[in-house]
C-alpha atoms as a PDB file:
ATOM      1  CA  UNK A   1      -4.022  11.553  -4.618  1.00  0.00           C
ATOM      2  CA  UNK A   2      -1.890  10.204  -1.792  1.00  0.00           C
ATOM      3  CA  UNK A   3      -0.210   6.854  -2.229  1.00  0.00           C
ATOM      4  CA  UNK A   4       1.527   4.528   0.175  1.00  0.00           C
ATOM      5  CA  UNK A   5       2.813   1.414  -1.572  1.00  0.00           C
ATOM      6  CA  UNK A   6       4.218  -1.574   0.281  1.00  0.00           C
ATOM      7  CA  UNK A   7       6.533  -3.926  -1.572  1.00  0.00           C
ATOM      8  CA  UNK A   8       7.624  -7.251  -0.107  1.00  0.00           C
ATOM      9  CA  UNK A   9      10.672  -8.973  -1.537  1.00  0.00           C
ATOM     10  CA  UNK A  10       9.109 -12.351  -0.731  1.00  0.00           C
ATOM     11  CA  UNK A  11       5.683 -13.741  -1.578  1.00  0.00           C
ATOM     12  CA  UNK A  12       5.292 -15.594   1.703  1.00  0.00           C
ATOM     13  CA  UNK A  13       2.833 -13.070   3.144  1.00  0.00           C
ATOM     14  CA  UNK A  14      -0.347 -11.575   1.726  1.00  0.00           C
ATOM     15  CA  UNK A  15      -0.715  -8.263   3.547  1.00  0.00           C
ATOM     16  CA  UNK A  16      -4.348  -8.045   2.446  1.00  0.00           C
ATOM     17  CA  UNK A  17      -5.192 -10.831   4.920  1.00  0.00           C
ATOM     18  CA  UNK A  18      -5.437 -10.350   8.677  1.00  0.00           C
ATOM     19  CA  UNK A  19      -2.428 -12.604   9.312  1.00  0.00           C
ATOM     20  CA  UNK A  20      -0.344 -10.929   6.631  1.00  0.00           C
ATOM     21  CA  UNK A  21      -1.237  -7.474   7.953  1.00  0.00           C
ATOM     22  CA  UNK A  22      -0.134  -8.485  11.467  1.00  0.00           C
ATOM     23  CA  UNK A  23       3.115  -9.837  10.012  1.00  0.00           C
ATOM     24  CA  UNK A  24       3.723  -6.492   8.262  1.00  0.00           C
ATOM     25  CA  UNK A  25       3.123  -4.500  11.445  1.00  0.00           C
ATOM     26  CA  UNK A  26       5.667  -6.639  13.299  1.00  0.00           C
ATOM     27  CA  UNK A  27       8.249  -6.668  10.473  1.00  0.00           C
ATOM     28  CA  UNK A  28       7.871  -3.218   8.931  1.00  0.00           C
ATOM     29  CA  UNK A  29      11.579  -2.469   9.465  1.00  0.00           C
ATOM     30  CA  UNK A  30      12.790  -5.712   7.866  1.00  0.00           C
ATOM     31  CA  UNK A  31      14.923  -5.513   4.750  1.00  0.00           C
ATOM     32  CA  UNK A  32      12.225  -7.500   2.940  1.00  0.00           C
ATOM     33  CA  UNK A  33       9.748  -4.587   3.307  1.00  0.00           C
ATOM     34  CA  UNK A  34       9.987  -1.435   1.188  1.00  0.00           C
ATOM     35  CA  UNK A  35       7.531   1.432   1.592  1.00  0.00           C
ATOM     36  CA  UNK A  36       7.002   4.106  -1.052  1.00  0.00           C
ATOM     37  CA  UNK A  37       5.096   7.343  -0.482  1.00  0.00           C
ATOM     38  CA  UNK A  38       3.899   9.738  -3.143  1.00  0.00           C
ATOM     39  CA  UNK A  39       1.362  12.439  -3.875  1.00  0.00           C
ATOM     40  CA  UNK A  40       0.063  13.697  -7.197  1.00  0.00           C
ATOM     41  CA  UNK A  41      -2.847  15.463  -8.774  1.00  0.00           C
ATOM     42  CA  UNK A  42      -5.182  13.613 -11.077  1.00  0.00           C
ATOM     43  CA  UNK A  43      -4.317  14.124 -14.733  1.00  0.00           C
ATOM     44  CA  UNK A  44      -7.689  12.795 -15.876  1.00  0.00           C
ATOM     45  CA  UNK A  45     -10.827  11.462 -14.262  1.00  0.00           C
ATOM     46  CA  UNK A  46     -10.204  10.018 -10.771  1.00  0.00           C
ATOM     47  CA  UNK A  47     -12.005   6.759 -11.559  1.00  0.00           C
ATOM     48  CA  UNK A  48     -10.055   6.277 -14.782  1.00  0.00           C
ATOM     49  CA  UNK A  49      -6.740   6.760 -12.996  1.00  0.00           C
ATOM     50  CA  UNK A  50      -7.660   4.355 -10.205  1.00  0.00           C
ATOM     51  CA  UNK A  51      -8.787   1.795 -12.771  1.00  0.00           C
ATOM     52  CA  UNK A  52      -5.483   2.149 -14.605  1.00  0.00           C
ATOM     53  CA  UNK A  53      -3.586   1.575 -11.366  1.00  0.00           C
ATOM     54  CA  UNK A  54      -5.641  -1.554 -10.647  1.00  0.00           C
ATOM     55  CA  UNK A  55      -4.867  -2.880 -14.136  1.00  0.00           C
ATOM     56  CA  UNK A  56      -1.169  -2.454 -13.304  1.00  0.00           C
ATOM     57  CA  UNK A  57      -1.485  -4.524 -10.112  1.00  0.00           C
ATOM     58  CA  UNK A  58      -2.495  -2.031  -7.437  1.00  0.00           C
ATOM     59  CA  UNK A  59      -4.899  -3.209  -4.770  1.00  0.00           C
ATOM     60  CA  UNK A  60      -7.266  -0.708  -3.238  1.00  0.00           C
ATOM     61  CA  UNK A  61      -7.965  -1.283   0.452  1.00  0.00           C
ATOM     62  CA  UNK A  62     -10.116   0.289   3.109  1.00  0.00           C
ATOM     63  CA  UNK A  63      -8.715   3.565   4.418  1.00  0.00           C
ATOM     64  CA  UNK A  64      -7.978   2.093   7.847  1.00  0.00           C
ATOM     65  CA  UNK A  65      -4.813   0.373   6.650  1.00  0.00           C
ATOM     66  CA  UNK A  66      -3.662   3.495   4.819  1.00  0.00           C
ATOM     67  CA  UNK A  67      -4.237   5.576   7.961  1.00  0.00           C
ATOM     68  CA  UNK A  68      -2.425   3.029  10.115  1.00  0.00           C
ATOM     69  CA  UNK A  69       0.708   3.054   7.946  1.00  0.00           C
ATOM     70  CA  UNK A  70       0.536   6.860   7.495  1.00  0.00           C
ATOM     71  CA  UNK A  71       0.438   7.355  11.268  1.00  0.00           C
ATOM     72  CA  UNK A  72       3.340   4.965  11.698  1.00  0.00           C
ATOM     73  CA  UNK A  73       5.417   6.838   9.110  1.00  0.00           C
ATOM     74  CA  UNK A  74       4.722  10.303  10.505  1.00  0.00           C
END
């Protein structure tokens, strides 16, 4: 599993909306934006692990946003 997590220190922007996503792209280097990257193998069933992440607050998005941030970071 590959993970890119984006943490905002303010709640002013919802990066799951079009406007929030545009804000992130323009402010990705701001101090209020933290990006975490990680990879790991599944310990159990893939669906169970994803469900557990969602229960902890993760939001699953379409792969286009993941690819966009991954390209930016590479």
